C-alpha atoms as a PDB file:
ATOM      1  CA  MET A   1       0.000   0.000   0.000  1.00  0.00           C
ATOM      2  CA  ILE A   2       1.053   3.613  -0.539  1.00  0.00           C
ATOM      3  CA  ASP A   3       2.925   4.971   2.474  1.00  0.00           C
ATOM      4  CA  PHE A   4       2.062   8.584   3.319  1.00  0.00           C
ATOM      5  CA  ARG A   5       4.474   8.860   6.256  1.00  0.00           C
ATOM      6  CA  PRO A   6       7.250  10.495   4.196  1.00  0.00           C
ATOM      7  CA  PHE A   7       4.781  13.249   3.268  1.00  0.00           C
ATOM      8  CA  TYR A   8       3.819  13.736   6.910  1.00  0.00           C
ATOM      9  CA  GLN A   9       7.508  14.134   7.753  1.00  0.00           C
ATOM     10  CA  GLN A  10       7.920  16.681   4.967  1.00  0.00           C
ATOM     11  CA  ILE A  11       5.043  18.896   5.992  1.00  0.00           C
ATOM     12  CA  ALA A  12       5.798  18.646   9.718  1.00  0.00           C
ATOM     13  CA  VAL A  13       8.647  21.127   9.164  1.00  0.00           C
ATOM     14  CA  SER A  14       6.862  23.303   6.604  1.00  0.00           C
ATOM     15  CA  GLU A  15       4.069  25.861   6.387  1.00  0.00           C
ATOM     16  CA  LEU A  16       1.684  22.925   5.975  1.00  0.00           C
ATOM     17  CA  SER A  17       2.299  21.533   9.474  1.00  0.00           C
ATOM     18  CA  SER A  18      -1.222  22.463  10.645  1.00  0.00           C
ATOM     19  CA  TRP A  19      -2.614  19.993   8.076  1.00  0.00           C
ATOM     20  CA  LEU A  20      -1.383  17.199  10.328  1.00  0.00           C
ATOM     21  CA  GLU A  21      -4.289  18.021  12.666  1.00  0.00           C
ATOM     22  CA  THR A  22      -6.707  16.364  10.223  1.00  0.00           C
ATOM     23  CA  LEU A  23      -4.888  14.627   7.356  1.00  0.00           C
ATOM     24  CA  PRO A  24      -3.597  11.404   8.994  1.00  0.00           C
ATOM     25  CA  SER A  25      -7.015  10.484  10.382  1.00  0.00           C
ATOM     26  CA  GLN A  26      -8.667  11.280   7.033  1.00  0.00           C
ATOM     27  CA  LEU A  27      -6.263   9.045   5.140  1.00  0.00           C
ATOM     28  CA  ALA A  28      -6.635   6.265   7.718  1.00  0.00           C
ATOM     29  CA  GLN A  29     -10.381   6.394   7.073  1.00  0.00           C
ATOM     30  CA  TRP A  30      -9.789   6.551   3.307  1.00  0.00           C
ATOM     31  CA  GLN A  31      -7.718   3.365   3.427  1.00  0.00           C
ATOM     32  CA  LYS A  32     -10.688   1.497   4.900  1.00  0.00           C
ATOM     33  CA  GLN A  33     -12.905   2.463   1.945  1.00  0.00           C
ATOM     34  CA  THR A  34     -10.646   2.148  -1.075  1.00  0.00           C
ATOM     35  CA  HIS A  35     -11.624   0.805  -4.493  1.00  0.00           C
ATOM     36  CA  GLY A  36     -11.616  -2.972  -4.749  1.00  0.00           C
ATOM     37  CA  GLU A  37      -8.743  -2.849  -7.266  1.00  0.00           C
ATOM     38  CA  TYR A  38      -6.559  -0.527  -5.166  1.00  0.00           C
ATOM     39  CA  ALA A  39      -4.540  -3.311  -3.516  1.00  0.00           C
ATOM     40  CA  LYS A  40      -3.720  -4.784  -6.944  1.00  0.00           C
ATOM     41  CA  TRP A  41      -2.733  -1.385  -8.357  1.00  0.00           C
ATOM     42  CA  ALA A  42      -0.520  -0.598  -5.350  1.00  0.00           C
ATOM     43  CA  LYS A  43       1.261  -3.957  -5.754  1.00  0.00           C
ATOM     44  CA  ILE A  44       2.024  -3.084  -9.372  1.00  0.00           C
ATOM     45  CA  VAL A  45       3.895  -0.016  -8.118  1.00  0.00           C
ATOM     46  CA  ASP A  46       5.864  -2.301  -5.786  1.00  0.00           C
ATOM     47  CA  PHE A  47       6.745  -4.588  -8.719  1.00  0.00           C
ATOM     48  CA  LEU A  48       8.388  -1.750 -10.658  1.00  0.00           C
ATOM     49  CA  PRO A  49      12.179  -1.784 -10.331  1.00  0.00           C
ATOM     50  CA  HIS A  50      14.342   0.881  -8.695  1.00  0.00           C
ATOM     51  CA  LEU A  51      16.507   2.091 -11.571  1.00  0.00           C
ATOM     52  CA  GLU A  52      19.576   4.294 -11.540  1.00  0.00           C
ATOM     53  CA  THR A  53      18.818   7.560 -13.288  1.00  0.00           C
ATOM     54  CA  ALA A  54      21.382   9.506 -15.282  1.00  0.00           C
ATOM     55  CA  ARG A  55      19.173  12.533 -15.944  1.00  0.00           C
ATOM     56  CA  ILE A  56      15.694  13.796 -15.166  1.00  0.00           C
ATOM     57  CA  ASP A  57      14.034  16.507 -17.267  1.00  0.00           C
ATOM     58  CA  LEU A  58      10.925  18.131 -15.812  1.00  0.00           C
ATOM     59  CA  LYS A  59      11.443  21.489 -17.505  1.00  0.00           C
ATOM     60  CA  THR A  60      10.629  20.493 -21.088  1.00  0.00           C
ATOM     61  CA  ALA A  61       8.928  17.117 -20.475  1.00  0.00           C
ATOM     62  CA  VAL A  62       8.431  14.489 -17.773  1.00  0.00           C
ATOM     63  CA  LYS A  63      11.413  12.357 -18.626  1.00  0.00           C
ATOM     64  CA  SER A  64      13.964  10.124 -16.933  1.00  0.00           C
ATOM     65  CA  GLU A  65      17.012   8.670 -18.656  1.00  0.00           C
ATOM     66  CA  PRO A  66      18.780   5.522 -17.444  1.00  0.00           C
ATOM     67  CA  VAL A  67      22.489   5.314 -16.653  1.00  0.00           C
ATOM     68  CA  SER A  68      22.662   2.591 -19.293  1.00  0.00           C
ATOM     69  CA  PRO A  69      19.980   1.575 -21.804  1.00  0.00           C
ATOM     70  CA  LEU A  70      17.535  -1.039 -20.562  1.00  0.00           C
ATOM     71  CA  SER A  71      17.432  -4.392 -22.282  1.00  0.00           C
ATOM     72  CA  GLN A  72      14.381  -5.182 -24.380  1.00  0.00           C
ATOM     73  CA  GLY A  73      13.269  -7.628 -21.690  1.00  0.00           C
ATOM     74  CA  GLU A  74      13.581  -5.004 -18.946  1.00  0.00           C
ATOM     75  CA  GLN A  75      11.590  -2.513 -21.014  1.00  0.00           C
ATOM     76  CA  GLN A  76       8.871  -5.047 -21.755  1.00  0.00           C
ATOM     77  CA  ARG A  77       8.499  -5.936 -18.070  1.00  0.00           C
ATOM     78  CA  ILE A  78       8.070  -2.269 -17.129  1.00  0.00           C
ATOM     79  CA  ILE A  79       5.605  -1.705 -19.980  1.00  0.00           C
ATOM     80  CA  TYR A  80       3.628  -4.749 -18.838  1.00  0.00           C
ATOM     81  CA  HIS A  81       3.339  -3.377 -15.295  1.00  0.00           C
ATOM     82  CA  LEU A  82       2.461   0.158 -16.435  1.00  0.00           C
ATOM     83  CA  LYS A  83      -0.241  -1.163 -18.758  1.00  0.00           C
ATOM     84  CA  GLN A  84      -1.879  -2.869 -15.774  1.00  0.00           C
ATOM     85  CA  LEU A  85      -2.617   0.699 -14.623  1.00  0.00           C
ATOM     86  CA  MET A  86      -4.514   1.708 -17.781  1.00  0.00           C
ATOM     87  CA  PRO A  87      -6.215   3.904 -18.809  1.00  0.00           C
ATOM     88  CA  TRP A  88      -3.468   6.560 -18.842  1.00  0.00           C
ATOM     89  CA  ARG A  89      -5.258   9.833 -19.477  1.00  0.00           C
ATOM     90  CA  LYS A  90      -2.868  12.775 -18.790  1.00  0.00           C
ATOM     91  CA  GLY A  91       0.708  12.838 -20.037  1.00  0.00           C
ATOM     92  CA  PRO A  92       2.893  11.993 -21.912  1.00  0.00           C
ATOM     93  CA  TYR A  93       5.687  10.424 -19.862  1.00  0.00           C
ATOM     94  CA  HIS A  94       9.117   9.355 -21.093  1.00  0.00           C
ATOM     95  CA  LEU A  95      10.501   6.943 -18.511  1.00  0.00           C
ATOM     96  CA  HIS A  96      13.807   5.160 -19.046  1.00  0.00           C
ATOM     97  CA  GLY A  97      13.236   4.936 -22.783  1.00  0.00           C
ATOM     98  CA  ILE A  98       9.546   3.981 -22.471  1.00  0.00           C
ATOM     99  CA  HIS A  99       7.018   6.376 -24.019  1.00  0.00           C
ATOM    100  CA  VAL A 100       3.698   6.370 -22.145  1.00  0.00           C
ATOM    101  CA  ASP A 101       1.476   8.011 -24.757  1.00  0.00           C
ATOM    102  CA  CYS A 102      -1.556   9.153 -22.771  1.00  0.00           C
ATOM    103  CA  GLU A 103      -4.985  10.148 -24.081  1.00  0.00           C
ATOM    104  CA  TRP A 104      -4.380  13.850 -23.429  1.00  0.00           C
ATOM    105  CA  ARG A 105      -1.355  15.754 -24.675  1.00  0.00           C
ATOM    106  CA  SER A 106      -1.222  17.635 -21.397  1.00  0.00           C
ATOM    107  CA  ASP A 107       1.981  19.310 -22.540  1.00  0.00           C
ATOM    108  CA  PHE A 108      -0.143  21.279 -25.041  1.00  0.00           C
ATOM    109  CA  LYS A 109      -2.194  22.743 -22.187  1.00  0.00           C
ATOM    110  CA  TRP A 110       0.904  23.443 -20.108  1.00  0.00           C
ATOM    111  CA  GLU A 111       2.505  25.371 -22.974  1.00  0.00           C
ATOM    112  CA  ARG A 112      -0.645  27.516 -23.250  1.00  0.00           C
ATOM    113  CA  VAL A 113      -0.893  28.174 -19.515  1.00  0.00           C
ATOM    114  CA  LEU A 114       2.714  28.622 -18.410  1.00  0.00           C
ATOM    115  CA  PRO A 115       3.564  31.937 -20.139  1.00  0.00           C
ATOM    116  CA  HIS A 116       0.782  33.717 -18.243  1.00  0.00           C
ATOM    117  CA  LEU A 117       1.569  32.508 -14.713  1.00  0.00           C
ATOM    118  CA  ALA A 118       3.346  34.281 -11.906  1.00  0.00           C
ATOM    119  CA  PRO A 119       6.788  32.581 -11.717  1.00  0.00           C
ATOM    120  CA  LEU A 120       6.495  29.253  -9.907  1.00  0.00           C
ATOM    121  CA  GLN A 121      10.038  29.368  -8.517  1.00  0.00           C
ATOM    122  CA  ASP A 122      10.035  28.617  -4.748  1.00  0.00           C
ATOM    123  CA  ARG A 123       6.234  28.533  -4.621  1.00  0.00           C
ATOM    124  CA  LEU A 124       4.046  26.248  -2.532  1.00  0.00           C
ATOM    125  CA  ILE A 125       1.450  24.903  -4.980  1.00  0.00           C
ATOM    126  CA  LEU A 126      -1.832  23.004  -4.747  1.00  0.00           C
ATOM    127  CA  ASP A 127      -3.122  21.171  -7.841  1.00  0.00           C
ATOM    128  CA  VAL A 128      -6.805  20.288  -7.391  1.00  0.00           C
ATOM    129  CA  GLY A 129      -8.046  17.325  -9.423  1.00  0.00           C
ATOM    130  CA  CYS A 130      -4.482  16.583 -10.481  1.00  0.00           C
ATOM    131  CA  GLY A 131      -5.149  13.202 -12.136  1.00  0.00           C
ATOM    132  CA  SER A 132      -1.960  11.167 -12.422  1.00  0.00           C
ATOM    133  CA  GLY A 133       0.111  14.271 -11.735  1.00  0.00           C
ATOM    134  CA  TYR A 134       1.598  15.269 -15.101  1.00  0.00           C
ATOM    135  CA  HIS A 135       1.268  18.998 -14.499  1.00  0.00           C
ATOM    136  CA  MET A 136       2.630  18.644 -10.955  1.00  0.00           C
ATOM    137  CA  TRP A 137       5.940  17.397 -12.360  1.00  0.00           C
ATOM    138  CA  ARG A 138       6.040  20.293 -14.803  1.00  0.00           C
ATOM    139  CA  MET A 139       5.483  22.674 -11.858  1.00  0.00           C
ATOM    140  CA  VAL A 140       8.462  21.067 -10.116  1.00  0.00           C
ATOM    141  CA  GLY A 141      10.393  21.628 -13.337  1.00  0.00           C
ATOM    142  CA  GLU A 142       9.643  25.336 -13.006  1.00  0.00           C
ATOM    143  CA  GLY A 143      11.290  25.392  -9.588  1.00  0.00           C
ATOM    144  CA  ALA A 144       8.311  25.018  -7.241  1.00  0.00           C
ATOM    145  CA  LYS A 145       9.316  24.470  -3.623  1.00  0.00           C
ATOM    146  CA  MET A 146       6.631  21.811  -3.105  1.00  0.00           C
ATOM    147  CA  VAL A 147       3.622  20.697  -5.114  1.00  0.00           C
ATOM    148  CA  VAL A 148       0.669  18.949  -3.488  1.00  0.00           C
ATOM    149  CA  GLY A 149      -1.933  17.369  -5.722  1.00  0.00           C
ATOM    150  CA  ILE A 150      -5.313  16.182  -4.530  1.00  0.00           C
ATOM    151  CA  ASP A 151      -7.477  13.692  -6.404  1.00  0.00           C
ATOM    152  CA  PRO A 152      -9.684  11.015  -4.829  1.00  0.00           C
ATOM    153  CA  THR A 153      -9.232   8.472  -7.648  1.00  0.00           C
ATOM    154  CA  GLU A 154      -7.109   5.554  -6.418  1.00  0.00           C
ATOM    155  CA  LEU A 155      -5.933   4.601  -9.907  1.00  0.00           C
ATOM    156  CA  PHE A 156      -4.478   8.085 -10.408  1.00  0.00           C
ATOM    157  CA  LEU A 157      -2.637   7.794  -7.087  1.00  0.00           C
ATOM    158  CA  CYS A 158      -1.024   4.528  -8.193  1.00  0.00           C
ATOM    159  CA  GLN A 159      -0.143   5.938 -11.616  1.00  0.00           C
ATOM    160  CA  PHE A 160       1.478   8.911  -9.894  1.00  0.00           C
ATOM    161  CA  GLU A 161       3.482   6.678  -7.559  1.00  0.00           C
ATOM    162  CA  ALA A 162       4.596   4.533 -10.499  1.00  0.00           C
ATOM    163  CA  VAL A 163       5.888   7.613 -12.315  1.00  0.00           C
ATOM    164  CA  ARG A 164       7.535   8.890  -9.131  1.00  0.00           C
ATOM    165  CA  LYS A 165       9.384   5.586  -8.730  1.00  0.00           C
ATOM    166  CA  LEU A 166      10.724   5.885 -12.284  1.00  0.00           C
ATOM    167  CA  LEU A 167      11.734   9.503 -11.563  1.00  0.00           C
ATOM    168  CA  ASN A 168      14.146   8.374  -8.857  1.00  0.00           C
ATOM    169  CA  ASN A 169      11.519   8.747  -6.076  1.00  0.00           C
ATOM    170  CA  ASP A 170      11.412  12.533  -6.364  1.00  0.00           C
ATOM    171  CA  ARG A 171       9.597  13.896  -3.275  1.00  0.00           C
ATOM    172  CA  ARG A 172       9.022  17.474  -4.445  1.00  0.00           C
ATOM    173  CA  ALA A 173       5.531  16.438  -5.625  1.00  0.00           C
ATOM    174  CA  ASN A 174       2.989  14.442  -3.632  1.00  0.00           C
ATOM    175  CA  LEU A 175      -0.523  13.219  -4.410  1.00  0.00           C
ATOM    176  CA  ILE A 176      -3.081  12.990  -1.600  1.00  0.00           C
ATOM    177  CA  PRO A 177      -6.315  11.046  -2.345  1.00  0.00           C
ATOM    178  CA  LEU A 178      -8.829  13.613  -1.130  1.00  0.00           C
ATOM    179  CA  GLY A 179     -11.298  15.979  -2.740  1.00  0.00           C
ATOM    180  CA  ILE A 180     -11.068  19.748  -2.243  1.00  0.00           C
ATOM    181  CA  GLU A 181     -14.237  19.665  -0.138  1.00  0.00           C
ATOM    182  CA  GLU A 182     -12.444  17.394   2.369  1.00  0.00           C
ATOM    183  CA  MET A 183      -9.461  19.694   2.899  1.00  0.00           C
ATOM    184  CA  GLN A 184      -9.329  21.947   5.912  1.00  0.00           C
ATOM    185  CA  PRO A 185      -8.981  25.604   4.827  1.00  0.00           C
ATOM    186  CA  LEU A 186      -5.222  26.113   4.983  1.00  0.00           C
ATOM    187  CA  GLY A 187      -4.959  29.558   3.388  1.00  0.00           C
ATOM    188  CA  ILE A 188      -1.248  29.018   2.728  1.00  0.00           C
ATOM    189  CA  PHE A 189      -0.653  28.107  -0.938  1.00  0.00           C
ATOM    190  CA  ASP A 190       1.025  30.613  -3.247  1.00  0.00           C
ATOM    191  CA  THR A 191      -0.658  29.157  -6.341  1.00  0.00           C
ATOM    192  CA  VAL A 192      -3.748  26.951  -6.625  1.00  0.00           C
ATOM    193  CA  PHE A 193      -4.546  25.162  -9.892  1.00  0.00           C
ATOM    194  CA  SER A 194      -7.997  23.813 -10.751  1.00  0.00           C
ATOM    195  CA  MET A 195      -7.889  22.442 -14.281  1.00  0.00           C
ATOM    196  CA  GLY A 196     -10.755  20.406 -15.695  1.00  0.00           C
ATOM    197  CA  VAL A 197     -12.751  20.309 -12.457  1.00  0.00           C
ATOM    198  CA  LEU A 198     -15.291  23.165 -12.302  1.00  0.00           C
ATOM    199  CA  TYR A 199     -17.790  21.717 -14.790  1.00  0.00           C
ATOM    200  CA  HIS A 200     -17.923  18.495 -12.754  1.00  0.00           C
ATOM    201  CA  ARG A 201     -19.120  20.358  -9.642  1.00  0.00           C
ATOM    202  CA  LYS A 202     -22.819  20.595  -8.834  1.00  0.00           C
ATOM    203  CA  SER A 203     -22.122  23.888  -7.065  1.00  0.00           C
ATOM    204  CA  PRO A 204     -19.440  25.819  -8.980  1.00  0.00           C
ATOM    205  CA  LEU A 205     -19.526  28.800  -6.609  1.00  0.00           C
ATOM    206  CA  ASP A 206     -18.818  26.503  -3.665  1.00  0.00           C
ATOM    207  CA  HIS A 207     -15.838  25.142  -5.596  1.00  0.00           C
ATOM    208  CA  LEU A 208     -14.502  28.649  -6.154  1.00  0.00           C
ATOM    209  CA  SER A 209     -14.839  29.396  -2.427  1.00  0.00           C
ATOM    210  CA  GLN A 210     -12.999  26.177  -1.560  1.00  0.00           C
ATOM    211  CA  LEU A 211     -10.156  27.146  -3.885  1.00  0.00           C
ATOM    212  CA  LYS A 212      -9.981  30.619  -2.382  1.00  0.00           C
ATOM    213  CA  ASN A 213      -9.781  29.147   1.137  1.00  0.00           C
ATOM    214  CA  GLN A 214      -6.524  27.377   0.236  1.00  0.00           C
ATOM    215  CA  LEU A 215      -4.772  30.483  -1.113  1.00  0.00           C
ATOM    216  CA  ARG A 216      -2.695  32.949   0.867  1.00  0.00           C
ATOM    217  CA  LYS A 217      -3.604  36.617   0.489  1.00  0.00           C
ATOM    218  CA  GLY A 218      -2.352  37.750  -2.902  1.00  0.00           C
ATOM    219  CA  GLY A 219      -1.946  34.158  -4.092  1.00  0.00           C
ATOM    220  CA  GLU A 220      -2.842  33.217  -7.655  1.00  0.00           C
ATOM    221  CA  LEU A 221      -5.680  30.969  -8.830  1.00  0.00           C
ATOM    222  CA  VAL A 222      -5.248  29.189 -12.167  1.00  0.00           C
ATOM    223  CA  LEU A 223      -8.678  28.011 -13.320  1.00  0.00           C
ATOM    224  CA  GLU A 224      -9.049  26.002 -16.531  1.00  0.00           C
ATOM    225  CA  THR A 225     -12.486  24.777 -17.513  1.00  0.00           C
ATOM    226  CA  LEU A 226     -14.981  24.172 -20.302  1.00  0.00           C
ATOM    227  CA  VAL A 227     -16.684  27.330 -21.534  1.00  0.00           C
ATOM    228  CA  THR A 228     -19.368  28.197 -24.044  1.00  0.00           C
ATOM    229  CA  ASP A 229     -19.981  31.282 -26.162  1.00  0.00           C
ATOM    230  CA  GLY A 230     -22.265  34.010 -24.846  1.00  0.00           C
ATOM    231  CA  ASP A 231     -22.576  37.084 -22.645  1.00  0.00           C
ATOM    232  CA  GLU A 232     -22.262  37.361 -18.867  1.00  0.00           C
ATOM    233  CA  HIS A 233     -25.723  35.794 -18.400  1.00  0.00           C
ATOM    234  CA  HIS A 234     -25.108  32.684 -20.487  1.00  0.00           C
ATOM    235  CA  VAL A 235     -24.543  29.235 -18.949  1.00  0.00           C
ATOM    236  CA  LEU A 236     -24.970  25.910 -20.744  1.00  0.00           C
ATOM    237  CA  VAL A 237     -26.661  23.334 -18.516  1.00  0.00           C
ATOM    238  CA  PRO A 238     -26.521  20.012 -20.395  1.00  0.00           C
ATOM    239  CA  ALA A 239     -29.388  17.564 -20.034  1.00  0.00           C
ATOM    240  CA  GLU A 240     -28.343  13.977 -19.310  1.00  0.00           C
ATOM    241  CA  ARG A 241     -24.868  14.001 -20.892  1.00  0.00           C
ATOM    242  CA  TYR A 242     -22.319  16.307 -22.477  1.00  0.00           C
ATOM    243  CA  ALA A 243     -19.784  14.650 -24.828  1.00  0.00           C
ATOM    244  CA  LYS A 244     -20.995  11.338 -23.318  1.00  0.00           C
ATOM    245  CA  MET A 245     -20.063  12.525 -19.792  1.00  0.00           C
ATOM    246  CA  LYS A 246     -22.805  12.238 -17.161  1.00  0.00           C
ATOM    247  CA  ASN A 247     -21.170  14.527 -14.609  1.00  0.00           C
ATOM    248  CA  VAL A 248     -21.111  17.849 -16.467  1.00  0.00           C
ATOM    249  CA  TYR A 249     -23.352  20.359 -14.721  1.00  0.00           C
ATOM    250  CA  PHE A 250     -22.560  23.973 -15.685  1.00  0.00           C
ATOM    251  CA  ILE A 251     -20.560  25.328 -18.643  1.00  0.00           C
ATOM    252  CA  PRO A 252     -20.417  29.138 -18.353  1.00  0.00           C
ATOM    253  CA  SER A 253     -19.414  31.725 -20.903  1.00  0.00           C
ATOM    254  CA  VAL A 254     -16.117  33.492 -20.192  1.00  0.00           C
ATOM    255  CA  PRO A 255     -17.845  36.745 -19.074  1.00  0.00           C
ATOM    256  CA  CYS A 256     -20.131  34.718 -16.779  1.00  0.00           C
ATOM    257  CA  LEU A 257     -17.165  32.853 -15.301  1.00  0.00           C
ATOM    258  CA  ILE A 258     -15.349  36.121 -14.645  1.00  0.00           C
ATOM    259  CA  ASN A 259     -18.490  37.385 -12.901  1.00  0.00           C
ATOM    260  CA  TRP A 260     -18.607  34.239 -10.725  1.00  0.00           C
ATOM    261  CA  LEU A 261     -14.993  34.754  -9.667  1.00  0.00           C
ATOM    262  CA  GLU A 262     -15.534  38.398  -8.818  1.00  0.00           C
ATOM    263  CA  LYS A 263     -18.664  37.560  -6.818  1.00  0.00           C
ATOM    264  CA  SER A 264     -16.579  34.971  -4.965  1.00  0.00           C
ATOM    265  CA  GLY A 265     -14.187  37.699  -3.846  1.00  0.00           C
ATOM    266  CA  PHE A 266     -11.323  37.266  -6.322  1.00  0.00           C
ATOM    267  CA  SER A 267      -9.570  40.277  -7.809  1.00  0.00           C
ATOM    268  CA  ASN A 268      -7.561  40.950 -10.979  1.00  0.00           C
ATOM    269  CA  VAL A 269      -9.649  38.365 -12.840  1.00  0.00           C
ATOM    270  CA  ARG A 270      -8.559  37.904 -16.450  1.00  0.00           C
ATOM    271  CA  CYS A 271      -8.973  35.358 -19.240  1.00  0.00           C
ATOM    272  CA  VAL A 272      -5.600  34.516 -20.803  1.00  0.00           C
ATOM    273  CA  ASP A 273      -6.479  31.710 -23.218  1.00  0.00           C
ATOM    274  CA  VAL A 274      -9.444  30.173 -25.026  1.00  0.00           C
ATOM    275  CA  GLU A 275      -8.952  27.078 -27.178  1.00  0.00           C
ATOM    276  CA  VAL A 276     -11.210  24.532 -28.883  1.00  0.00           C
ATOM    277  CA  THR A 277     -10.024  21.044 -27.911  1.00  0.00           C
ATOM    278  CA  SER A 278      -8.430  19.432 -30.955  1.00  0.00           C
ATOM    279  CA  LEU A 279      -8.262  15.817 -32.051  1.00  0.00           C
ATOM    280  CA  GLU A 280      -4.479  16.097 -31.709  1.00  0.00           C
ATOM    281  CA  GLU A 281      -4.736  17.083 -28.048  1.00  0.00           C
ATOM    282  CA  GLN A 282      -7.218  14.378 -26.956  1.00  0.00           C
ATOM    283  CA  ARG A 283      -7.140  11.063 -28.800  1.00  0.00           C
ATOM    284  CA  LYS A 284      -6.979   7.292 -28.496  1.00  0.00           C
ATOM    285  CA  THR A 285      -3.603   5.650 -27.927  1.00  0.00           C
ATOM    286  CA  GLU A 286      -2.388   2.156 -27.079  1.00  0.00           C
ATOM    287  CA  TRP A 287      -2.424   3.266 -23.411  1.00  0.00           C
ATOM    288  CA  LEU A 288      -6.197   3.901 -23.497  1.00  0.00           C
ATOM    289  CA  GLU A 289      -8.763   1.235 -24.336  1.00  0.00           C
ATOM    290  CA  ASN A 290     -11.733   3.565 -23.845  1.00  0.00           C
ATOM    291  CA  GLU A 291     -13.358   5.983 -26.265  1.00  0.00           C
ATOM    292  CA  SER A 292     -11.866   9.435 -26.740  1.00  0.00           C
ATOM    293  CA  LEU A 293     -12.771  12.813 -28.247  1.00  0.00           C
ATOM    294  CA  ILE A 294     -13.474  11.556 -31.780  1.00  0.00           C
ATOM    295  CA  ASP A 295     -16.194   9.320 -30.313  1.00  0.00           C
ATOM    296  CA  PHE A 296     -17.746  12.212 -28.384  1.00  0.00           C
ATOM    297  CA  LEU A 297     -18.278  14.456 -31.423  1.00  0.00           C
ATOM    298  CA  ASP A 298     -20.974  14.425 -34.106  1.00  0.00           C
ATOM    299  CA  PRO A 299     -19.404  12.285 -36.862  1.00  0.00           C
ATOM    300  CA  ASN A 300     -20.801  14.635 -39.518  1.00  0.00           C
ATOM    301  CA  ASP A 301     -20.002  17.917 -37.755  1.00  0.00           C
ATOM    302  CA  HIS A 302     -17.048  18.127 -35.370  1.00  0.00           C
ATOM    303  CA  SER A 303     -18.196  21.561 -34.179  1.00  0.00           C
ATOM    304  CA  LYS A 304     -20.857  19.746 -32.133  1.00  0.00           C
ATOM    305  CA  THR A 305     -20.869  16.996 -29.526  1.00  0.00           C
ATOM    306  CA  ILE A 306     -22.723  13.790 -30.281  1.00  0.00           C
ATOM    307  CA  GLU A 307     -25.661  15.227 -28.273  1.00  0.00           C
ATOM    308  CA  GLY A 308     -25.716  18.405 -30.407  1.00  0.00           C
ATOM    309  CA  TYR A 309     -24.043  20.824 -27.960  1.00  0.00           C
ATOM    310  CA  PRO A 310     -21.093  23.020 -28.967  1.00  0.00           C
ATOM    311  CA  ALA A 311     -17.856  20.988 -29.074  1.00  0.00           C
ATOM    312  CA  PRO A 312     -15.498  21.303 -26.080  1.00  0.00           C
ATOM    313  CA  LYS A 313     -13.863  24.708 -25.751  1.00  0.00           C
ATOM    314  CA  ARG A 314     -11.616  25.452 -22.782  1.00  0.00           C
ATOM    315  CA  ALA A 315     -10.553  28.725 -21.178  1.00  0.00           C
ATOM    316  CA  VAL A 316      -7.818  29.624 -18.710  1.00  0.00           C
ATOM    317  CA  ILE A 317      -8.719  32.269 -16.148  1.00  0.00           C
ATOM    318  CA  LEU A 318      -6.262  33.783 -13.673  1.00  0.00           C
ATOM    319  CA  ALA A 319      -7.287  35.611 -10.494  1.00  0.00           C
ATOM    320  CA  ASN A 320      -5.863  36.668  -7.146  1.00  0.00           C
ATOM    321  CA  LYS A 321      -7.094  36.394  -3.577  1.00  0.00           C
END
């Protein structure tokens, strides 16, 4: 099973020490209620070898290079173990000569977001809904002091720990299997990311308040979410599904989203990027057996979802507490 004690030791001597009042008991309770496959996934992480690393690149990719090339048999064993943790959604990863080609080219998003951010050097960062942690490693590559990701999905935790093991057990990033609503308000993070989460929340304004409660005064929120066209009054509320997803509740226009943030008490709210999701950015690979974006769009008109709604368009909004 995943051992959280090293993280407790890290935060005991950091600004996050007050989190120890609640976190250990929460994770003890979490371990009693884990997914039925969690024990199998955690064992797969244990099966992965400890490999000597000649070089790690987190600045331009998430990549580790071996001291000497792995044999074909060694590579195949690692690939076999990593494929037991499918589907791999956010990436890509380049680990000791193995290319984990995930569904999402998350590096595309990172390249759009990064130029607009306050420098991440020496920052304490929270990544909400971090998935398997791709963007967390890129934050470390930008010099972050510590990155904490939260995501309640056990598979993502095990994927993250597998990648960490193949990155020489780097401890500058940590994934905690909780949702934002379960975190005590710490009010300490310099930067809080919420990317691809807001439209899954039944109460988006509550989500914005929860994000704000984790930021220090003056800290920066990085919010990336689905948006639709329209004025400050326009919000798309899908019926049963949006792009085959059941859990999509509110898709605001950019002016509406800015209004929500300002009503939630954020300042200096600005939209820095709007992009229609392309078939190059989200697609099927050998690391994903499920459907992907091409299956979610109208086959005769890719400007619409299969249900007839506007195709996915995503915006990046920055704001300060």
